[in-house]
C-alpha atoms as a PDB file:
ATOM      1  CA  UNK A   1      15.177 -25.601   8.996  1.00  0.00           C
ATOM      2  CA  UNK A   2      17.412 -24.906   5.936  1.00  0.00           C
ATOM      3  CA  UNK A   3      16.984 -21.370   4.466  1.00  0.00           C
ATOM      4  CA  UNK A   4      18.830 -19.021   2.089  1.00  0.00           C
ATOM      5  CA  UNK A   5      19.020 -15.456   2.256  1.00  0.00           C
ATOM      6  CA  UNK A   6      20.120 -12.914  -0.307  1.00  0.00           C
ATOM      7  CA  UNK A   7      20.290  -9.147   0.060  1.00  0.00           C
ATOM      8  CA  UNK A   8      21.065  -6.951  -3.062  1.00  0.00           C
ATOM      9  CA  UNK A   9      23.025  -3.826  -3.045  1.00  0.00           C
ATOM     10  CA  UNK A  10      20.581  -0.901  -3.150  1.00  0.00           C
ATOM     11  CA  UNK A  11      20.442   1.619  -5.939  1.00  0.00           C
ATOM     12  CA  UNK A  12      19.374   5.246  -5.949  1.00  0.00           C
ATOM     13  CA  UNK A  13      18.975   7.562  -9.041  1.00  0.00           C
ATOM     14  CA  UNK A  14      18.404  11.222  -9.357  1.00  0.00           C
ATOM     15  CA  UNK A  15      16.188  12.474 -12.088  1.00  0.00           C
ATOM     16  CA  UNK A  16      17.999  15.527 -13.040  1.00  0.00           C
ATOM     17  CA  UNK A  17      20.957  13.139 -13.622  1.00  0.00           C
ATOM     18  CA  UNK A  18      19.219  11.088 -16.406  1.00  0.00           C
ATOM     19  CA  UNK A  19      19.092  11.710 -20.071  1.00  0.00           C
ATOM     20  CA  UNK A  20      15.694  13.292 -21.384  1.00  0.00           C
ATOM     21  CA  UNK A  21      15.593  10.246 -23.389  1.00  0.00           C
ATOM     22  CA  UNK A  22      14.994   7.910 -20.278  1.00  0.00           C
ATOM     23  CA  UNK A  23      11.648   9.776 -19.603  1.00  0.00           C
ATOM     24  CA  UNK A  24      10.060   8.767 -22.836  1.00  0.00           C
ATOM     25  CA  UNK A  25       9.514   4.932 -22.475  1.00  0.00           C
ATOM     26  CA  UNK A  26       6.454   2.640 -23.264  1.00  0.00           C
ATOM     27  CA  UNK A  27       4.565   1.507 -20.581  1.00  0.00           C
ATOM     28  CA  UNK A  28       5.388  -2.097 -18.900  1.00  0.00           C
ATOM     29  CA  UNK A  29       2.924  -4.552 -20.431  1.00  0.00           C
ATOM     30  CA  UNK A  30       0.753  -6.607 -17.857  1.00  0.00           C
ATOM     31  CA  UNK A  31       2.515  -8.934 -15.753  1.00  0.00           C
ATOM     32  CA  UNK A  32       1.252 -12.571 -15.598  1.00  0.00           C
ATOM     33  CA  UNK A  33       0.303 -13.616 -12.111  1.00  0.00           C
ATOM     34  CA  UNK A  34       3.184 -15.576 -10.006  1.00  0.00           C
ATOM     35  CA  UNK A  35       2.123 -17.562  -6.758  1.00  0.00           C
ATOM     36  CA  UNK A  36       0.593 -15.241  -4.650  1.00  0.00           C
ATOM     37  CA  UNK A  37       1.038 -16.914  -1.118  1.00  0.00           C
ATOM     38  CA  UNK A  38       2.575 -13.923   0.427  1.00  0.00           C
ATOM     39  CA  UNK A  39      -0.299 -11.448   1.383  1.00  0.00           C
ATOM     40  CA  UNK A  40      -0.466  -7.735   0.953  1.00  0.00           C
ATOM     41  CA  UNK A  41      -0.403  -7.466   4.632  1.00  0.00           C
ATOM     42  CA  UNK A  42       3.061  -8.670   4.477  1.00  0.00           C
ATOM     43  CA  UNK A  43       3.808  -5.628   2.001  1.00  0.00           C
ATOM     44  CA  UNK A  44       2.346  -3.341   4.784  1.00  0.00           C
ATOM     45  CA  UNK A  45       4.147  -5.150   7.692  1.00  0.00           C
ATOM     46  CA  UNK A  46       7.317  -4.456   5.893  1.00  0.00           C
ATOM     47  CA  UNK A  47       6.338  -0.661   5.307  1.00  0.00           C
ATOM     48  CA  UNK A  48       5.490  -0.311   9.000  1.00  0.00           C
ATOM     49  CA  UNK A  49       8.945  -2.139  10.248  1.00  0.00           C
ATOM     50  CA  UNK A  50      10.848   0.463   7.877  1.00  0.00           C
ATOM     51  CA  UNK A  51       8.814   3.554   9.344  1.00  0.00           C
ATOM     52  CA  UNK A  52       9.710   1.988  12.889  1.00  0.00           C
ATOM     53  CA  UNK A  53      13.398   2.223  11.882  1.00  0.00           C
ATOM     54  CA  UNK A  54      13.226   5.421  10.564  1.00  0.00           C
ATOM     55  CA  UNK A  55      11.395   6.750  13.823  1.00  0.00           C
ATOM     56  CA  UNK A  56      14.090   5.522  15.807  1.00  0.00           C
ATOM     57  CA  UNK A  57      16.295   7.985  14.201  1.00  0.00           C
ATOM     58  CA  UNK A  58      13.669  10.805  14.398  1.00  0.00           C
ATOM     59  CA  UNK A  59      13.147  10.839  10.643  1.00  0.00           C
ATOM     60  CA  UNK A  60       9.744  11.488   8.958  1.00  0.00           C
ATOM     61  CA  UNK A  61       7.690   8.681   8.257  1.00  0.00           C
ATOM     62  CA  UNK A  62       7.368   7.598   4.682  1.00  0.00           C
ATOM     63  CA  UNK A  63       4.034   7.701   3.071  1.00  0.00           C
ATOM     64  CA  UNK A  64       2.687   4.422   1.171  1.00  0.00           C
ATOM     65  CA  UNK A  65       2.375   4.991  -2.565  1.00  0.00           C
ATOM     66  CA  UNK A  66       0.181   2.765  -4.408  1.00  0.00           C
ATOM     67  CA  UNK A  67       1.931   3.677  -7.831  1.00  0.00           C
ATOM     68  CA  UNK A  68       5.164   2.950  -6.261  1.00  0.00           C
ATOM     69  CA  UNK A  69       3.841  -0.367  -4.687  1.00  0.00           C
ATOM     70  CA  UNK A  70       2.606  -1.371  -8.042  1.00  0.00           C
ATOM     71  CA  UNK A  71       5.986  -0.816  -9.725  1.00  0.00           C
ATOM     72  CA  UNK A  72       7.491  -2.839  -6.731  1.00  0.00           C
ATOM     73  CA  UNK A  73       4.891  -5.649  -6.943  1.00  0.00           C
ATOM     74  CA  UNK A  74       5.441  -6.037 -10.683  1.00  0.00           C
ATOM     75  CA  UNK A  75       9.120  -6.312 -10.374  1.00  0.00           C
ATOM     76  CA  UNK A  76       8.958  -8.835  -7.581  1.00  0.00           C
ATOM     77  CA  UNK A  77       6.553 -10.880  -9.648  1.00  0.00           C
ATOM     78  CA  UNK A  78       8.814 -10.585 -12.753  1.00  0.00           C
ATOM     79  CA  UNK A  79      11.972 -11.909 -10.703  1.00  0.00           C
ATOM     80  CA  UNK A  80       9.877 -14.592  -9.133  1.00  0.00           C
ATOM     81  CA  UNK A  81       8.571 -15.952 -12.494  1.00  0.00           C
ATOM     82  CA  UNK A  82      11.900 -15.372 -14.471  1.00  0.00           C
ATOM     83  CA  UNK A  83      14.114 -16.678 -11.440  1.00  0.00           C
ATOM     84  CA  UNK A  84      16.411 -13.591 -11.430  1.00  0.00           C
ATOM     85  CA  UNK A  85      17.481 -11.372  -8.731  1.00  0.00           C
ATOM     86  CA  UNK A  86      19.323  -8.241  -9.541  1.00  0.00           C
ATOM     87  CA  UNK A  87      18.611  -4.345  -9.546  1.00  0.00           C
ATOM     88  CA  UNK A  88      18.958  -4.617 -13.563  1.00  0.00           C
ATOM     89  CA  UNK A  89      16.458  -6.793 -15.220  1.00  0.00           C
ATOM     90  CA  UNK A  90      17.344  -9.134 -18.169  1.00  0.00           C
ATOM     91  CA  UNK A  91      16.677  -6.343 -20.701  1.00  0.00           C
ATOM     92  CA  UNK A  92      18.952  -3.940 -18.875  1.00  0.00           C
ATOM     93  CA  UNK A  93      16.512  -1.773 -17.123  1.00  0.00           C
ATOM     94  CA  UNK A  94      16.815  -0.393 -13.687  1.00  0.00           C
ATOM     95  CA  UNK A  95      14.191   1.063 -11.480  1.00  0.00           C
ATOM     96  CA  UNK A  96      14.227   4.237 -13.269  1.00  0.00           C
ATOM     97  CA  UNK A  97      13.082   2.647 -16.461  1.00  0.00           C
ATOM     98  CA  UNK A  98      10.586   0.513 -14.714  1.00  0.00           C
ATOM     99  CA  UNK A  99       9.122   3.288 -13.143  1.00  0.00           C
ATOM    100  CA  UNK A 100       8.883   5.557 -16.478  1.00  0.00           C
ATOM    101  CA  UNK A 101       7.403   2.613 -18.201  1.00  0.00           C
ATOM    102  CA  UNK A 102       4.547   2.094 -15.527  1.00  0.00           C
ATOM    103  CA  UNK A 103       4.010   5.887 -15.707  1.00  0.00           C
ATOM    104  CA  UNK A 104       5.093   6.499 -12.094  1.00  0.00           C
ATOM    105  CA  UNK A 105       5.158  10.237 -12.284  1.00  0.00           C
ATOM    106  CA  UNK A 106       6.000  13.366  -9.911  1.00  0.00           C
ATOM    107  CA  UNK A 107       9.281  11.928  -8.572  1.00  0.00           C
ATOM    108  CA  UNK A 108      12.816  13.637  -8.471  1.00  0.00           C
ATOM    109  CA  UNK A 109      14.553  10.848  -7.004  1.00  0.00           C
ATOM    110  CA  UNK A 110      14.038   7.170  -6.978  1.00  0.00           C
ATOM    111  CA  UNK A 111      15.893   4.145  -5.063  1.00  0.00           C
ATOM    112  CA  UNK A 112      15.477   0.548  -4.614  1.00  0.00           C
ATOM    113  CA  UNK A 113      16.071  -2.083  -2.095  1.00  0.00           C
ATOM    114  CA  UNK A 114      15.423  -5.770  -2.903  1.00  0.00           C
ATOM    115  CA  UNK A 115      15.620  -8.850  -0.653  1.00  0.00           C
ATOM    116  CA  UNK A 116      15.114 -12.598  -1.235  1.00  0.00           C
ATOM    117  CA  UNK A 117      15.165 -15.471   0.945  1.00  0.00           C
ATOM    118  CA  UNK A 118      13.880 -19.196   0.688  1.00  0.00           C
ATOM    119  CA  UNK A 119      12.406 -21.485   3.475  1.00  0.00           C
ATOM    120  CA  UNK A 120      11.970 -18.830   6.101  1.00  0.00           C
ATOM    121  CA  UNK A 121       8.413 -18.032   7.493  1.00  0.00           C
ATOM    122  CA  UNK A 122       9.498 -14.599   9.442  1.00  0.00           C
ATOM    123  CA  UNK A 123      10.603 -12.948   6.353  1.00  0.00           C
ATOM    124  CA  UNK A 124       8.991  -9.568   6.878  1.00  0.00           C
ATOM    125  CA  UNK A 125      11.249  -9.018   9.887  1.00  0.00           C
ATOM    126  CA  UNK A 126      14.338 -10.566   8.324  1.00  0.00           C
ATOM    127  CA  UNK A 127      14.121  -8.329   5.384  1.00  0.00           C
ATOM    128  CA  UNK A 128      14.075  -5.081   7.335  1.00  0.00           C
ATOM    129  CA  UNK A 129      16.745  -6.466   9.799  1.00  0.00           C
ATOM    130  CA  UNK A 130      18.880  -7.603   6.912  1.00  0.00           C
ATOM    131  CA  UNK A 131      18.463  -4.280   5.012  1.00  0.00           C
ATOM    132  CA  UNK A 132      19.493  -2.476   8.209  1.00  0.00           C
ATOM    133  CA  UNK A 133      22.657  -4.466   8.827  1.00  0.00           C
ATOM    134  CA  UNK A 134      23.713  -3.806   4.993  1.00  0.00           C
ATOM    135  CA  UNK A 135      25.352  -0.179   4.708  1.00  0.00           C
ATOM    136  CA  UNK A 136      23.767   0.717   1.435  1.00  0.00           C
ATOM    137  CA  UNK A 137      20.198  -0.632   2.319  1.00  0.00           C
ATOM    138  CA  UNK A 138      20.335   1.123   5.740  1.00  0.00           C
ATOM    139  CA  UNK A 139      21.365   4.320   3.964  1.00  0.00           C
ATOM    140  CA  UNK A 140      17.965   3.930   1.682  1.00  0.00           C
ATOM    141  CA  UNK A 141      15.884   3.312   4.653  1.00  0.00           C
ATOM    142  CA  UNK A 142      17.253   6.388   6.486  1.00  0.00           C
ATOM    143  CA  UNK A 143      17.634   8.790   3.713  1.00  0.00           C
ATOM    144  CA  UNK A 144      16.081  11.913   4.880  1.00  0.00           C
ATOM    145  CA  UNK A 145      14.827  12.827   1.122  1.00  0.00           C
ATOM    146  CA  UNK A 146      12.454   9.933   0.854  1.00  0.00           C
ATOM    147  CA  UNK A 147       8.812  10.928   1.325  1.00  0.00           C
ATOM    148  CA  UNK A 148       7.099   7.901  -0.040  1.00  0.00           C
ATOM    149  CA  UNK A 149       7.469   4.315  -0.764  1.00  0.00           C
ATOM    150  CA  UNK A 150       5.816   1.066  -1.953  1.00  0.00           C
ATOM    151  CA  UNK A 151       6.600  -2.629  -1.387  1.00  0.00           C
ATOM    152  CA  UNK A 152       5.955  -5.566  -3.531  1.00  0.00           C
ATOM    153  CA  UNK A 153       6.153  -9.183  -2.388  1.00  0.00           C
ATOM    154  CA  UNK A 154       5.978 -12.170  -4.603  1.00  0.00           C
ATOM    155  CA  UNK A 155       6.506 -15.926  -4.203  1.00  0.00           C
ATOM    156  CA  UNK A 156       8.629 -17.906  -6.706  1.00  0.00           C
ATOM    157  CA  UNK A 157       9.423 -21.571  -7.197  1.00  0.00           C
ATOM    158  CA  UNK A 158      10.948 -23.445  -4.202  1.00  0.00           C
ATOM    159  CA  UNK A 159       9.268 -20.997  -1.810  1.00  0.00           C
ATOM    160  CA  UNK A 160      11.515 -18.276  -2.526  1.00  0.00           C
ATOM    161  CA  UNK A 161      10.163 -14.896  -1.471  1.00  0.00           C
ATOM    162  CA  UNK A 162      11.002 -11.621  -3.570  1.00  0.00           C
ATOM    163  CA  UNK A 163      10.766  -8.567  -1.878  1.00  0.00           C
ATOM    164  CA  UNK A 164      11.158  -5.072  -3.699  1.00  0.00           C
ATOM    165  CA  UNK A 165      10.827  -1.789  -2.020  1.00  0.00           C
ATOM    166  CA  UNK A 166      10.871   1.612  -4.179  1.00  0.00           C
ATOM    167  CA  UNK A 167      11.421   4.833  -2.488  1.00  0.00           C
ATOM    168  CA  UNK A 168      10.638   8.237  -3.918  1.00  0.00           C
ATOM    169  CA  UNK A 169      11.416  11.732  -3.463  1.00  0.00           C
ATOM    170  CA  UNK A 170       8.070  13.771  -4.313  1.00  0.00           C
END
């Protein structure tokens, strides 16, 4: 089987370092649906795998956050639909702007991990294993300050699987 794998560099933003203007952005418009072959159960499986990694280091388990998952899912769908893979979208927005536009509230720090693969059936395990082998992604997963997370999965053209994980400190 031929497969391709891409892992992005993770980003972390602290709200206190942002200009006030970054906090008053319009909501994200509705996102059109992309192929939905990956099930919500895959999102939960990745969530559970991340918490098992945290448990190995005696870290507090992350809570599932539906709003963070909505932001993550929307971004995975957009990347799948538009065929790009980056923490900064084609409009120049980061997870901070996407969170604010979607009216995600009550966070003091936000971060993001991304994963992309093609032609690999066990991608939920591969995503977390790959993140743990990447110093910046591993740092995100093992950061003690995170309290909640949400994960979004979307399938794009050619069987590409896009995974976005949004981390929050509440």
